[in-house]
Amino acid sequence: MGRYIIRRLLWMIPVILGVLLIVFALSAIAPGDPVDSIVGYDAPEEVREAKRQELGLNDPFILRYGRYVIGVFTKGDFGTSYTTKQPVLGEILSRFPNTLKLTFFAVLVALIIGIPLGVIAAVKQYSAIDNATMVFALFGVSVPQFWFALMMMYIFSIKLNWLPPITANSGAAGWVLPVAMIGIANVGMIARTTRSSMLEVIRQDYIRTARAKGQKEGKVIFKHALRNSLIPVVATLGNTLASSLGGSVVAESIFAVNGVGLYMLNSIDNRNWPSVAGGLLFLAIVFSFVMLFIDILYTVIDPRLKDEFNAKNKMAANKRAAKKKAREAARSAKAQEV
C-alpha cells in the first residue's frame, strides 16, 4: 500500500504540469490585457509598457511558464495577484474553507438522498417508485445547474421568502440553497449507480441463501447486499466530488459565496492570470488527494482488494529477494574463480 501511495503522489507531478500548461496556454491566447485592469484603459503607453515589463508579460511563453513551475515546486509560490499585490496562495487558503464546506455538505446531501433512492428503486424494480426515482435522477443529471440555481432563488427567496438569496451575513440558512443545488444535481448519478449495483448483487446466490434461511428482508438488503454494492458507489463518489467542485463555481457566483470558485471568476474578469492558475492548481491538488483517499477507502470496503495489495507486495518482495540472492551467488562464483 505504501508503494502505491508514493506512486500516486508522484503521478501528481505531471497532473500539476498539465494544469499549469493549459492555464498558461489559455492566458496567452485569451483576448484582453491584464494591464488594462491594473492601470486603466486610458493610461499612457509608457506606463502600460512599464507595467508589462514589471509583471513579466513581455517575456516568452516558455519562460513565464518555467518560472512559475519552478516557483511552485521549489518555494510553494503560487504567484502574486495582479490586483491586490498579495500572495495568491494566502488568498486561496482564506477562501477555501467556504468551498470545502459547500462541497462537503453537497456531497453529503447527495449520498443521503441518492443511496436510499437507489436501494428502493432496485428493490421495487419496474414499479411506480422505481420509475419516479429514475425520473428524478434523470432530472438531476440533465438540468443545467445555473438554471436550477436561479429557479431555486426565484421560488424560495423571491416568491416564498423562505431562504436568503446569498450566503453573506445570512447564517446557516444562507447555505441551504447552494448546498441543495449542488447536492440535488449529483443525486441522480449516485442513485443510478446504486440501483444498478444493487440489482446485480441481490441476484447473487448468497442473497437467495440468506432469504432461504429466513432472515428478515431488511437485514438481507442492508447488511448483506448494500455493503457489497458500495464499491461502484465509492468509485462514483470521485466523480461526484469533481462535479461538486465544478458546481461550486456556479453556486458561489450565483449565491455570492466567498470561495475559491468566485475568486477565480473575478480573477478571469480582471485577467488576473496568477490567481486563475493558482486557483486551478490548488483545486487539482485537492482533487488528487481526494481520489487517493477514495482508492484507499476501497480496501476498507472490500477486503479482497487489501488481500490483492498484500499479494502483489509479497510477490514483489520475493522477486527482489530472488534477484539479490542471484547477485550474491554471482559475486561468490566470481570470487571463487579469482
C-alpha atoms as a PDB file:
ATOM      1  CA  MET A   1       0.000   0.000   0.000  1.00  0.00           C
ATOM      2  CA  GLY A   2       2.846   2.382   0.824  1.00  0.00           C
ATOM      3  CA  ARG A   3       4.426   1.937  -2.606  1.00  0.00           C
ATOM      4  CA  TYR A   4       1.058   2.527  -4.247  1.00  0.00           C
ATOM      5  CA  ILE A   5       0.568   5.778  -2.324  1.00  0.00           C
ATOM      6  CA  ILE A   6       4.048   7.003  -3.245  1.00  0.00           C
ATOM      7  CA  ARG A   7       3.425   6.144  -6.903  1.00  0.00           C
ATOM      8  CA  ARG A   8       0.146   8.052  -6.873  1.00  0.00           C
ATOM      9  CA  LEU A   9       1.812  11.060  -5.267  1.00  0.00           C
ATOM     10  CA  LEU A  10       4.470  11.051  -7.983  1.00  0.00           C
ATOM     11  CA  TRP A  11       1.744  10.977 -10.629  1.00  0.00           C
ATOM     12  CA  MET A  12       0.541  14.292  -9.247  1.00  0.00           C
ATOM     13  CA  ILE A  13       3.587  15.982 -10.759  1.00  0.00           C
ATOM     14  CA  PRO A  14       2.514  15.549 -14.423  1.00  0.00           C
ATOM     15  CA  VAL A  15      -1.043  16.496 -13.383  1.00  0.00           C
ATOM     16  CA  ILE A  16       0.236  19.784 -11.954  1.00  0.00           C
ATOM     17  CA  LEU A  17       2.392  20.434 -15.006  1.00  0.00           C
ATOM     18  CA  GLY A  18      -0.525  19.718 -17.342  1.00  0.00           C
ATOM     19  CA  VAL A  19      -2.915  22.011 -15.448  1.00  0.00           C
ATOM     20  CA  LEU A  20      -0.414  24.848 -15.467  1.00  0.00           C
ATOM     21  CA  LEU A  21       0.368  24.355 -19.146  1.00  0.00           C
ATOM     22  CA  ILE A  22      -3.325  24.568 -20.076  1.00  0.00           C
ATOM     23  CA  VAL A  23      -3.851  27.686 -17.954  1.00  0.00           C
ATOM     24  CA  PHE A  24      -0.819  29.468 -19.367  1.00  0.00           C
ATOM     25  CA  ALA A  25      -1.776  28.490 -22.912  1.00  0.00           C
ATOM     26  CA  LEU A  26      -5.288  29.869 -22.435  1.00  0.00           C
ATOM     27  CA  SER A  27      -3.937  33.064 -20.885  1.00  0.00           C
ATOM     28  CA  ALA A  28      -1.674  33.537 -23.895  1.00  0.00           C
ATOM     29  CA  ILE A  29      -4.491  33.275 -26.464  1.00  0.00           C
ATOM     30  CA  ALA A  30      -7.288  34.882 -24.425  1.00  0.00           C
ATOM     31  CA  PRO A  31      -8.344  38.377 -25.534  1.00  0.00           C
ATOM     32  CA  GLY A  32      -7.674  41.333 -23.286  1.00  0.00           C
ATOM     33  CA  ASP A  33      -4.666  42.727 -21.470  1.00  0.00           C
ATOM     34  CA  PRO A  34      -4.173  42.371 -17.698  1.00  0.00           C
ATOM     35  CA  VAL A  35      -2.591  45.813 -17.680  1.00  0.00           C
ATOM     36  CA  ASP A  36      -5.975  47.366 -18.572  1.00  0.00           C
ATOM     37  CA  SER A  37      -7.492  46.321 -15.239  1.00  0.00           C
ATOM     38  CA  ILE A  38      -4.427  47.479 -13.293  1.00  0.00           C
ATOM     39  CA  VAL A  39      -3.533  50.903 -14.685  1.00  0.00           C
ATOM     40  CA  GLY A  40      -6.733  51.598 -16.640  1.00  0.00           C
ATOM     41  CA  TYR A  41      -7.555  51.778 -20.330  1.00  0.00           C
ATOM     42  CA  ASP A  42      -6.636  55.466 -20.612  1.00  0.00           C
ATOM     43  CA  ALA A  43      -3.154  55.182 -19.076  1.00  0.00           C
ATOM     44  CA  PRO A  44      -0.223  56.402 -21.190  1.00  0.00           C
ATOM     45  CA  GLU A  45       1.553  53.817 -23.259  1.00  0.00           C
ATOM     46  CA  GLU A  46       4.781  54.353 -21.325  1.00  0.00           C
ATOM     47  CA  VAL A  47       3.043  53.465 -18.064  1.00  0.00           C
ATOM     48  CA  ARG A  48       1.402  50.422 -19.635  1.00  0.00           C
ATOM     49  CA  GLU A  49       4.683  49.197 -21.095  1.00  0.00           C
ATOM     50  CA  ALA A  50       6.457  49.670 -17.754  1.00  0.00           C
ATOM     51  CA  LYS A  51       3.748  47.647 -16.013  1.00  0.00           C
ATOM     52  CA  ARG A  52       4.040  44.846 -18.591  1.00  0.00           C
ATOM     53  CA  GLN A  53       7.793  44.770 -18.038  1.00  0.00           C
ATOM     54  CA  GLU A  54       7.297  44.699 -14.261  1.00  0.00           C
ATOM     55  CA  LEU A  55       4.864  41.785 -14.448  1.00  0.00           C
ATOM     56  CA  GLY A  56       6.996  39.889 -16.963  1.00  0.00           C
ATOM     57  CA  LEU A  57       4.233  39.866 -19.570  1.00  0.00           C
ATOM     58  CA  ASN A  58       6.698  40.684 -22.336  1.00  0.00           C
ATOM     59  CA  ASP A  59       8.705  37.516 -21.640  1.00  0.00           C
ATOM     60  CA  PRO A  60       8.242  34.484 -23.916  1.00  0.00           C
ATOM     61  CA  PHE A  61       5.558  31.953 -23.029  1.00  0.00           C
ATOM     62  CA  ILE A  62       8.030  29.182 -22.140  1.00  0.00           C
ATOM     63  CA  LEU A  63       9.999  31.483 -19.842  1.00  0.00           C
ATOM     64  CA  ARG A  64       6.891  32.593 -17.918  1.00  0.00           C
ATOM     65  CA  TYR A  65       5.652  29.002 -17.661  1.00  0.00           C
ATOM     66  CA  GLY A  66       9.013  27.672 -16.484  1.00  0.00           C
ATOM     67  CA  ARG A  67       9.424  30.467 -13.947  1.00  0.00           C
ATOM     68  CA  TYR A  68       6.017  29.748 -12.458  1.00  0.00           C
ATOM     69  CA  VAL A  69       6.611  25.969 -12.322  1.00  0.00           C
ATOM     70  CA  ILE A  70       9.972  26.430 -10.600  1.00  0.00           C
ATOM     71  CA  GLY A  71       8.372  28.749  -8.057  1.00  0.00           C
ATOM     72  CA  VAL A  72       5.620  26.222  -7.319  1.00  0.00           C
ATOM     73  CA  PHE A  73       7.929  23.225  -6.845  1.00  0.00           C
ATOM     74  CA  THR A  74      10.821  24.954  -5.066  1.00  0.00           C
ATOM     75  CA  LYS A  75       9.096  27.579  -2.920  1.00  0.00           C
ATOM     76  CA  GLY A  76       5.412  26.663  -2.945  1.00  0.00           C
ATOM     77  CA  ASP A  77       4.874  30.059  -4.556  1.00  0.00           C
ATOM     78  CA  PHE A  78       1.583  30.281  -6.450  1.00  0.00           C
ATOM     79  CA  GLY A  79       2.371  33.775  -7.672  1.00  0.00           C
ATOM     80  CA  THR A  80       1.275  37.259  -6.686  1.00  0.00           C
ATOM     81  CA  SER A  81      -2.121  38.713  -7.529  1.00  0.00           C
ATOM     82  CA  TYR A  82      -2.027  41.498 -10.100  1.00  0.00           C
ATOM     83  CA  THR A  83      -4.810  43.436  -8.388  1.00  0.00           C
ATOM     84  CA  THR A  84      -4.193  43.029  -4.636  1.00  0.00           C
ATOM     85  CA  LYS A  85      -0.388  42.505  -4.719  1.00  0.00           C
ATOM     86  CA  GLN A  86      -0.891  39.706  -2.189  1.00  0.00           C
ATOM     87  CA  PRO A  87       0.349  36.089  -2.439  1.00  0.00           C
ATOM     88  CA  VAL A  88      -2.206  34.013  -4.337  1.00  0.00           C
ATOM     89  CA  LEU A  89      -1.860  31.013  -2.033  1.00  0.00           C
ATOM     90  CA  GLY A  90      -2.783  33.090   1.006  1.00  0.00           C
ATOM     91  CA  GLU A  91      -5.892  34.460  -0.708  1.00  0.00           C
ATOM     92  CA  ILE A  92      -6.932  30.961  -1.779  1.00  0.00           C
ATOM     93  CA  LEU A  93      -6.434  29.454   1.685  1.00  0.00           C
ATOM     94  CA  SER A  94      -8.565  32.188   3.243  1.00  0.00           C
ATOM     95  CA  ARG A  95     -11.443  31.303   0.893  1.00  0.00           C
ATOM     96  CA  PHE A  96     -11.028  27.531   0.676  1.00  0.00           C
ATOM     97  CA  PRO A  97     -12.950  26.743   3.924  1.00  0.00           C
ATOM     98  CA  ASN A  98     -16.120  28.110   2.307  1.00  0.00           C
ATOM     99  CA  THR A  99     -15.602  25.982  -0.813  1.00  0.00           C
ATOM    100  CA  LEU A 100     -14.803  22.952   1.335  1.00  0.00           C
ATOM    101  CA  LYS A 101     -17.928  23.469   3.441  1.00  0.00           C
ATOM    102  CA  LEU A 102     -20.091  23.852   0.356  1.00  0.00           C
ATOM    103  CA  THR A 103     -18.646  20.765  -1.342  1.00  0.00           C
ATOM    104  CA  PHE A 104     -18.757  18.582   1.781  1.00  0.00           C
ATOM    105  CA  PHE A 105     -22.386  19.253   2.619  1.00  0.00           C
ATOM    106  CA  ALA A 106     -23.434  18.998  -1.039  1.00  0.00           C
ATOM    107  CA  VAL A 107     -21.832  15.546  -1.348  1.00  0.00           C
ATOM    108  CA  LEU A 108     -23.351  14.552   1.986  1.00  0.00           C
ATOM    109  CA  VAL A 109     -26.814  15.557   0.740  1.00  0.00           C
ATOM    110  CA  ALA A 110     -26.256  13.640  -2.499  1.00  0.00           C
ATOM    111  CA  LEU A 111     -25.259  10.490  -0.573  1.00  0.00           C
ATOM    112  CA  ILE A 112     -28.084  10.738   1.973  1.00  0.00           C
ATOM    113  CA  ILE A 113     -30.681  11.077  -0.778  1.00  0.00           C
ATOM    114  CA  GLY A 114     -29.078   9.117  -3.626  1.00  0.00           C
ATOM    115  CA  ILE A 115     -28.189   5.839  -1.877  1.00  0.00           C
ATOM    116  CA  PRO A 116     -31.651   5.220  -0.323  1.00  0.00           C
ATOM    117  CA  LEU A 117     -33.318   6.142  -3.623  1.00  0.00           C
ATOM    118  CA  GLY A 118     -31.093   3.677  -5.478  1.00  0.00           C
ATOM    119  CA  VAL A 119     -31.789   0.907  -2.973  1.00  0.00           C
ATOM    120  CA  ILE A 120     -35.561   1.481  -3.092  1.00  0.00           C
ATOM    121  CA  ALA A 121     -35.536   1.580  -6.893  1.00  0.00           C
ATOM    122  CA  ALA A 122     -33.623  -1.717  -7.037  1.00  0.00           C
ATOM    123  CA  VAL A 123     -35.865  -3.485  -4.516  1.00  0.00           C
ATOM    124  CA  LYS A 124     -39.020  -2.162  -6.232  1.00  0.00           C
ATOM    125  CA  GLN A 125     -37.752  -2.694  -9.779  1.00  0.00           C
ATOM    126  CA  TYR A 126     -40.144  -1.657 -12.591  1.00  0.00           C
ATOM    127  CA  SER A 127     -42.631  -0.266 -10.073  1.00  0.00           C
ATOM    128  CA  ALA A 128     -44.013   3.270  -9.945  1.00  0.00           C
ATOM    129  CA  ILE A 129     -41.453   4.098  -7.245  1.00  0.00           C
ATOM    130  CA  ASP A 130     -38.642   2.878  -9.481  1.00  0.00           C
ATOM    131  CA  ASN A 131     -39.881   4.965 -12.416  1.00  0.00           C
ATOM    132  CA  ALA A 132     -40.327   8.075 -10.268  1.00  0.00           C
ATOM    133  CA  THR A 133     -36.852   7.646  -8.797  1.00  0.00           C
ATOM    134  CA  MET A 134     -35.246   7.344 -12.204  1.00  0.00           C
ATOM    135  CA  VAL A 135     -37.141  10.409 -13.481  1.00  0.00           C
ATOM    136  CA  PHE A 136     -35.827  12.374 -10.510  1.00  0.00           C
ATOM    137  CA  ALA A 137     -32.322  11.034 -11.166  1.00  0.00           C
ATOM    138  CA  LEU A 138     -32.542  11.979 -14.838  1.00  0.00           C
ATOM    139  CA  PHE A 139     -33.668  15.476 -13.849  1.00  0.00           C
ATOM    140  CA  GLY A 140     -30.676  15.899 -11.545  1.00  0.00           C
ATOM    141  CA  VAL A 141     -28.219  14.737 -14.190  1.00  0.00           C
ATOM    142  CA  SER A 142     -29.608  16.708 -17.138  1.00  0.00           C
ATOM    143  CA  VAL A 143     -30.787  20.038 -15.702  1.00  0.00           C
ATOM    144  CA  PRO A 144     -28.311  22.930 -16.137  1.00  0.00           C
ATOM    145  CA  GLN A 145     -27.005  23.908 -12.728  1.00  0.00           C
ATOM    146  CA  PHE A 146     -27.101  27.660 -13.325  1.00  0.00           C
ATOM    147  CA  TRP A 147     -30.781  27.465 -14.380  1.00  0.00           C
ATOM    148  CA  PHE A 148     -31.653  25.279 -11.410  1.00  0.00           C
ATOM    149  CA  ALA A 149     -29.898  27.707  -9.052  1.00  0.00           C
ATOM    150  CA  LEU A 150     -31.774  30.687 -10.473  1.00  0.00           C
ATOM    151  CA  MET A 151     -35.111  28.853 -10.239  1.00  0.00           C
ATOM    152  CA  MET A 152     -34.449  27.920  -6.607  1.00  0.00           C
ATOM    153  CA  MET A 153     -33.543  31.509  -5.809  1.00  0.00           C
ATOM    154  CA  TYR A 154     -36.669  32.793  -7.576  1.00  0.00           C
ATOM    155  CA  ILE A 155     -39.016  30.354  -5.826  1.00  0.00           C
ATOM    156  CA  PHE A 156     -37.624  30.129  -2.291  1.00  0.00           C
ATOM    157  CA  SER A 157     -36.095  33.591  -1.930  1.00  0.00           C
ATOM    158  CA  ILE A 158     -38.195  35.944  -4.032  1.00  0.00           C
ATOM    159  CA  LYS A 159     -41.643  34.340  -4.197  1.00  0.00           C
ATOM    160  CA  LEU A 160     -41.874  32.457  -0.897  1.00  0.00           C
ATOM    161  CA  ASN A 161     -39.259  34.480   1.008  1.00  0.00           C
ATOM    162  CA  TRP A 162     -38.237  31.385   2.962  1.00  0.00           C
ATOM    163  CA  LEU A 163     -34.484  31.497   2.454  1.00  0.00           C
ATOM    164  CA  PRO A 164     -31.928  34.270   1.882  1.00  0.00           C
ATOM    165  CA  PRO A 165     -30.660  34.585  -1.706  1.00  0.00           C
ATOM    166  CA  ILE A 166     -26.996  34.972  -0.698  1.00  0.00           C
ATOM    167  CA  THR A 167     -24.808  33.439   1.999  1.00  0.00           C
ATOM    168  CA  ALA A 168     -23.166  36.668   3.166  1.00  0.00           C
ATOM    169  CA  ASN A 169     -24.347  37.574   6.680  1.00  0.00           C
ATOM    170  CA  SER A 170     -27.186  35.023   6.409  1.00  0.00           C
ATOM    171  CA  GLY A 171     -26.037  32.358   8.850  1.00  0.00           C
ATOM    172  CA  ALA A 172     -26.791  28.686   8.270  1.00  0.00           C
ATOM    173  CA  ALA A 173     -29.923  29.482   6.249  1.00  0.00           C
ATOM    174  CA  GLY A 174     -27.821  31.126   3.572  1.00  0.00           C
ATOM    175  CA  TRP A 175     -26.102  27.816   2.791  1.00  0.00           C
ATOM    176  CA  VAL A 176     -29.291  25.855   2.147  1.00  0.00           C
ATOM    177  CA  LEU A 177     -29.846  26.895  -1.484  1.00  0.00           C
ATOM    178  CA  PRO A 178     -26.251  26.446  -2.770  1.00  0.00           C
ATOM    179  CA  VAL A 179     -25.863  23.111  -0.952  1.00  0.00           C
ATOM    180  CA  ALA A 180     -29.226  21.886  -2.257  1.00  0.00           C
ATOM    181  CA  MET A 181     -28.392  22.988  -5.811  1.00  0.00           C
ATOM    182  CA  ILE A 182     -25.122  21.052  -5.966  1.00  0.00           C
ATOM    183  CA  GLY A 183     -26.397  18.097  -3.927  1.00  0.00           C
ATOM    184  CA  ILE A 184     -29.557  17.508  -5.983  1.00  0.00           C
ATOM    185  CA  ALA A 185     -27.555  17.837  -9.197  1.00  0.00           C
ATOM    186  CA  ASN A 186     -25.415  14.877  -8.056  1.00  0.00           C
ATOM    187  CA  VAL A 187     -28.201  12.715  -6.603  1.00  0.00           C
ATOM    188  CA  GLY A 188     -29.017  11.217  -9.991  1.00  0.00           C
ATOM    189  CA  MET A 189     -25.564   9.775 -10.618  1.00  0.00           C
ATOM    190  CA  ILE A 190     -25.369   8.162  -7.170  1.00  0.00           C
ATOM    191  CA  ALA A 191     -28.955   6.825  -7.298  1.00  0.00           C
ATOM    192  CA  ARG A 192     -28.486   5.229 -10.727  1.00  0.00           C
ATOM    193  CA  THR A 193     -25.143   3.677  -9.751  1.00  0.00           C
ATOM    194  CA  THR A 194     -26.596   2.313  -6.500  1.00  0.00           C
ATOM    195  CA  ARG A 195     -29.615   0.883  -8.314  1.00  0.00           C
ATOM    196  CA  SER A 196     -27.603  -0.930 -10.970  1.00  0.00           C
ATOM    197  CA  SER A 197     -25.130  -2.275  -8.417  1.00  0.00           C
ATOM    198  CA  MET A 198     -27.908  -3.443  -6.081  1.00  0.00           C
ATOM    199  CA  LEU A 199     -29.736  -5.192  -8.925  1.00  0.00           C
ATOM    200  CA  GLU A 200     -26.589  -7.160  -9.677  1.00  0.00           C
ATOM    201  CA  VAL A 201     -25.936  -8.080  -6.047  1.00  0.00           C
ATOM    202  CA  ILE A 202     -29.449  -9.088  -4.993  1.00  0.00           C
ATOM    203  CA  ARG A 203     -29.478 -11.728  -7.739  1.00  0.00           C
ATOM    204  CA  GLN A 204     -26.419 -13.482  -6.302  1.00  0.00           C
ATOM    205  CA  ASP A 205     -26.667 -16.937  -4.773  1.00  0.00           C
ATOM    206  CA  TYR A 206     -25.682 -15.863  -1.264  1.00  0.00           C
ATOM    207  CA  ILE A 207     -28.605 -13.408  -1.178  1.00  0.00           C
ATOM    208  CA  ARG A 208     -31.023 -16.187  -2.109  1.00  0.00           C
ATOM    209  CA  THR A 209     -29.397 -18.362   0.562  1.00  0.00           C
ATOM    210  CA  ALA A 210     -29.840 -15.666   3.211  1.00  0.00           C
ATOM    211  CA  ARG A 211     -33.514 -15.356   2.293  1.00  0.00           C
ATOM    212  CA  ALA A 212     -33.942 -19.132   2.322  1.00  0.00           C
ATOM    213  CA  LYS A 213     -32.563 -19.226   5.889  1.00  0.00           C
ATOM    214  CA  GLY A 214     -35.419 -16.974   6.930  1.00  0.00           C
ATOM    215  CA  GLN A 215     -33.513 -13.764   7.569  1.00  0.00           C
ATOM    216  CA  LYS A 216     -35.532 -10.575   7.523  1.00  0.00           C
ATOM    217  CA  GLU A 217     -35.643  -8.740   4.216  1.00  0.00           C
ATOM    218  CA  GLY A 218     -34.269  -5.553   5.746  1.00  0.00           C
ATOM    219  CA  LYS A 219     -31.258  -7.414   7.127  1.00  0.00           C
ATOM    220  CA  VAL A 220     -30.658  -9.114   3.785  1.00  0.00           C
ATOM    221  CA  ILE A 221     -30.783  -5.831   1.889  1.00  0.00           C
ATOM    222  CA  PHE A 222     -28.871  -3.533   4.227  1.00  0.00           C
ATOM    223  CA  LYS A 223     -26.402  -5.927   5.843  1.00  0.00           C
ATOM    224  CA  HIS A 224     -25.556  -8.328   3.026  1.00  0.00           C
ATOM    225  CA  ALA A 225     -26.446  -6.631  -0.261  1.00  0.00           C
ATOM    226  CA  LEU A 226     -25.793  -2.945   0.359  1.00  0.00           C
ATOM    227  CA  ARG A 227     -22.203  -3.266   1.588  1.00  0.00           C
ATOM    228  CA  ASN A 228     -21.177  -5.286  -1.453  1.00  0.00           C
ATOM    229  CA  SER A 229     -22.920  -2.721  -3.658  1.00  0.00           C
ATOM    230  CA  LEU A 230     -20.972   0.234  -2.293  1.00  0.00           C
ATOM    231  CA  ILE A 231     -17.753  -0.257  -4.266  1.00  0.00           C
ATOM    232  CA  PRO A 232     -19.177   1.203  -7.519  1.00  0.00           C
ATOM    233  CA  VAL A 233     -20.780   3.939  -5.415  1.00  0.00           C
ATOM    234  CA  VAL A 234     -17.409   4.812  -3.896  1.00  0.00           C
ATOM    235  CA  ALA A 235     -15.978   4.971  -7.423  1.00  0.00           C
ATOM    236  CA  THR A 236     -18.820   7.319  -8.356  1.00  0.00           C
ATOM    237  CA  LEU A 237     -18.015   9.395  -5.294  1.00  0.00           C
ATOM    238  CA  GLY A 238     -14.854  10.625  -7.012  1.00  0.00           C
ATOM    239  CA  ASN A 239     -16.861  11.900  -9.967  1.00  0.00           C
ATOM    240  CA  THR A 240     -19.368  13.402  -7.528  1.00  0.00           C
ATOM    241  CA  LEU A 241     -16.623  15.345  -5.782  1.00  0.00           C
ATOM    242  CA  ALA A 242     -15.343  16.582  -9.135  1.00  0.00           C
ATOM    243  CA  SER A 243     -18.852  17.667 -10.134  1.00  0.00           C
ATOM    244  CA  SER A 244     -19.325  19.345  -6.765  1.00  0.00           C
ATOM    245  CA  LEU A 245     -16.080  21.280  -7.082  1.00  0.00           C
ATOM    246  CA  GLY A 246     -17.118  22.357 -10.562  1.00  0.00           C
ATOM    247  CA  GLY A 247     -20.636  23.141  -9.408  1.00  0.00           C
ATOM    248  CA  SER A 248     -19.271  25.202  -6.547  1.00  0.00           C
ATOM    249  CA  VAL A 249     -18.011  27.727  -9.097  1.00  0.00           C
ATOM    250  CA  VAL A 250     -21.582  28.214 -10.363  1.00  0.00           C
ATOM    251  CA  ALA A 251     -23.087  28.207  -6.862  1.00  0.00           C
ATOM    252  CA  GLU A 252     -20.523  30.634  -5.485  1.00  0.00           C
ATOM    253  CA  SER A 253     -21.074  33.079  -8.332  1.00  0.00           C
ATOM    254  CA  ILE A 254     -24.894  32.995  -8.080  1.00  0.00           C
ATOM    255  CA  PHE A 255     -25.272  32.861  -4.285  1.00  0.00           C
ATOM    256  CA  ALA A 256     -22.252  35.107  -3.558  1.00  0.00           C
ATOM    257  CA  VAL A 257     -20.267  32.508  -1.624  1.00  0.00           C
ATOM    258  CA  ASN A 258     -16.799  33.875  -0.916  1.00  0.00           C
ATOM    259  CA  GLY A 259     -14.957  30.746  -2.043  1.00  0.00           C
ATOM    260  CA  VAL A 260     -12.246  29.719  -4.475  1.00  0.00           C
ATOM    261  CA  GLY A 261     -14.692  29.482  -7.395  1.00  0.00           C
ATOM    262  CA  LEU A 262     -15.890  33.081  -7.035  1.00  0.00           C
ATOM    263  CA  TYR A 263     -12.270  34.151  -6.557  1.00  0.00           C
ATOM    264  CA  MET A 264     -11.265  32.555  -9.868  1.00  0.00           C
ATOM    265  CA  LEU A 265     -14.255  34.010 -11.726  1.00  0.00           C
ATOM    266  CA  ASN A 266     -13.399  37.514 -10.539  1.00  0.00           C
ATOM    267  CA  SER A 267      -9.780  36.886 -11.490  1.00  0.00           C
ATOM    268  CA  ILE A 268     -10.800  35.838 -15.010  1.00  0.00           C
ATOM    269  CA  ASP A 269     -12.822  39.048 -15.391  1.00  0.00           C
ATOM    270  CA  ASN A 270      -9.745  41.075 -14.378  1.00  0.00           C
ATOM    271  CA  ARG A 271      -7.330  38.949 -16.450  1.00  0.00           C
ATOM    272  CA  ASN A 272      -5.562  38.170 -13.176  1.00  0.00           C
ATOM    273  CA  TRP A 273      -3.845  35.062 -14.507  1.00  0.00           C
ATOM    274  CA  PRO A 274      -1.674  34.200 -11.465  1.00  0.00           C
ATOM    275  CA  SER A 275      -4.847  33.962  -9.365  1.00  0.00           C
ATOM    276  CA  VAL A 276      -6.579  31.822 -12.010  1.00  0.00           C
ATOM    277  CA  ALA A 277      -3.594  29.497 -12.321  1.00  0.00           C
ATOM    278  CA  GLY A 278      -3.196  29.277  -8.552  1.00  0.00           C
ATOM    279  CA  GLY A 279      -6.880  28.502  -8.005  1.00  0.00           C
ATOM    280  CA  LEU A 280      -6.990  25.766 -10.617  1.00  0.00           C
ATOM    281  CA  LEU A 281      -3.706  24.302  -9.389  1.00  0.00           C
ATOM    282  CA  PHE A 282      -4.927  24.254  -5.794  1.00  0.00           C
ATOM    283  CA  LEU A 283      -8.191  22.542  -6.726  1.00  0.00           C
ATOM    284  CA  ALA A 284      -6.306  19.993  -8.869  1.00  0.00           C
ATOM    285  CA  ILE A 285      -4.056  19.121  -5.918  1.00  0.00           C
ATOM    286  CA  VAL A 286      -7.018  18.824  -3.563  1.00  0.00           C
ATOM    287  CA  PHE A 287      -8.876  16.606  -6.009  1.00  0.00           C
ATOM    288  CA  SER A 288      -5.807  14.376  -6.483  1.00  0.00           C
ATOM    289  CA  PHE A 289      -5.574  13.807  -2.728  1.00  0.00           C
ATOM    290  CA  VAL A 290      -9.308  13.130  -2.534  1.00  0.00           C
ATOM    291  CA  MET A 291      -9.051  10.489  -5.268  1.00  0.00           C
ATOM    292  CA  LEU A 292      -6.121   8.902  -3.434  1.00  0.00           C
ATOM    293  CA  PHE A 293      -8.237   8.744  -0.279  1.00  0.00           C
ATOM    294  CA  ILE A 294     -11.088   7.113  -2.206  1.00  0.00           C
ATOM    295  CA  ASP A 295      -8.736   4.493  -3.639  1.00  0.00           C
ATOM    296  CA  ILE A 296      -7.562   3.669  -0.125  1.00  0.00           C
ATOM    297  CA  LEU A 297     -11.192   3.541   1.006  1.00  0.00           C
ATOM    298  CA  TYR A 298     -11.774   0.711  -1.489  1.00  0.00           C
ATOM    299  CA  THR A 299      -9.652  -1.599   0.641  1.00  0.00           C
ATOM    300  CA  VAL A 300     -11.731  -0.786   3.720  1.00  0.00           C
ATOM    301  CA  ILE A 301     -14.998  -1.637   1.980  1.00  0.00           C
ATOM    302  CA  ASP A 302     -13.723  -4.654   0.044  1.00  0.00           C
ATOM    303  CA  PRO A 303     -11.121  -6.775   1.914  1.00  0.00           C
ATOM    304  CA  ARG A 304     -10.364  -8.605  -1.334  1.00  0.00           C
ATOM    305  CA  LEU A 305      -8.571  -5.521  -2.622  1.00  0.00           C
ATOM    306  CA  LYS A 306      -6.444  -5.399   0.518  1.00  0.00           C
ATOM    307  CA  ASP A 307      -5.510  -9.052   0.007  1.00  0.00           C
ATOM    308  CA  GLU A 308      -4.655  -8.250  -3.603  1.00  0.00           C
ATOM    309  CA  PHE A 309      -2.369  -5.417  -2.499  1.00  0.00           C
ATOM    310  CA  ASN A 310      -0.677  -7.676   0.044  1.00  0.00           C
ATOM    311  CA  ALA A 311      -0.232 -10.447  -2.531  1.00  0.00           C
ATOM    312  CA  LYS A 312       1.361  -8.038  -5.022  1.00  0.00           C
ATOM    313  CA  ASN A 313       3.669  -6.631  -2.362  1.00  0.00           C
ATOM    314  CA  LYS A 314       4.669 -10.139  -1.295  1.00  0.00           C
ATOM    315  CA  MET A 315       5.336 -11.139  -4.901  1.00  0.00           C
ATOM    316  CA  ALA A 316       7.443  -8.013  -5.459  1.00  0.00           C
ATOM    317  CA  ALA A 317       9.378  -8.713  -2.233  1.00  0.00           C
ATOM    318  CA  ASN A 318      10.038 -12.297  -3.355  1.00  0.00           C
ATOM    319  CA  LYS A 319      11.307 -11.069  -6.719  1.00  0.00           C
ATOM    320  CA  ARG A 320      13.652  -8.582  -5.043  1.00  0.00           C
ATOM    321  CA  ALA A 321      14.917 -11.292  -2.679  1.00  0.00           C
ATOM    322  CA  ALA A 322      15.497 -13.666  -5.602  1.00  0.00           C
ATOM    323  CA  LYS A 323      17.420 -11.015  -7.552  1.00  0.00           C
ATOM    324  CA  LYS A 324      19.511 -10.185  -4.505  1.00  0.00           C
ATOM    325  CA  LYS A 325      20.276 -13.878  -3.943  1.00  0.00           C
ATOM    326  CA  ALA A 326      21.240 -14.282  -7.607  1.00  0.00           C
ATOM    327  CA  ARG A 327      23.606 -11.294  -7.440  1.00  0.00           C
ATOM    328  CA  GLU A 328      25.205 -12.628  -4.277  1.00  0.00           C
ATOM    329  CA  ALA A 329      25.642 -16.057  -5.898  1.00  0.00           C
ATOM    330  CA  ALA A 330      27.222 -14.467  -8.974  1.00  0.00           C
ATOM    331  CA  ARG A 331      29.647 -12.452  -6.839  1.00  0.00           C
ATOM    332  CA  SER A 332      30.532 -15.572  -4.823  1.00  0.00           C
ATOM    333  CA  ALA A 333      31.170 -17.595  -8.006  1.00  0.00           C
ATOM    334  CA  LYS A 334      33.324 -14.818  -9.431  1.00  0.00           C
ATOM    335  CA  ALA A 335      35.332 -14.610  -6.197  1.00  0.00           C
ATOM    336  CA  GLN A 336      35.987 -18.356  -6.281  1.00  0.00           C
ATOM    337  CA  GLU A 337      37.239 -18.123  -9.862  1.00  0.00           C
ATOM    338  CA  VAL A 338      39.696 -15.436  -8.869  1.00  0.00           C
END
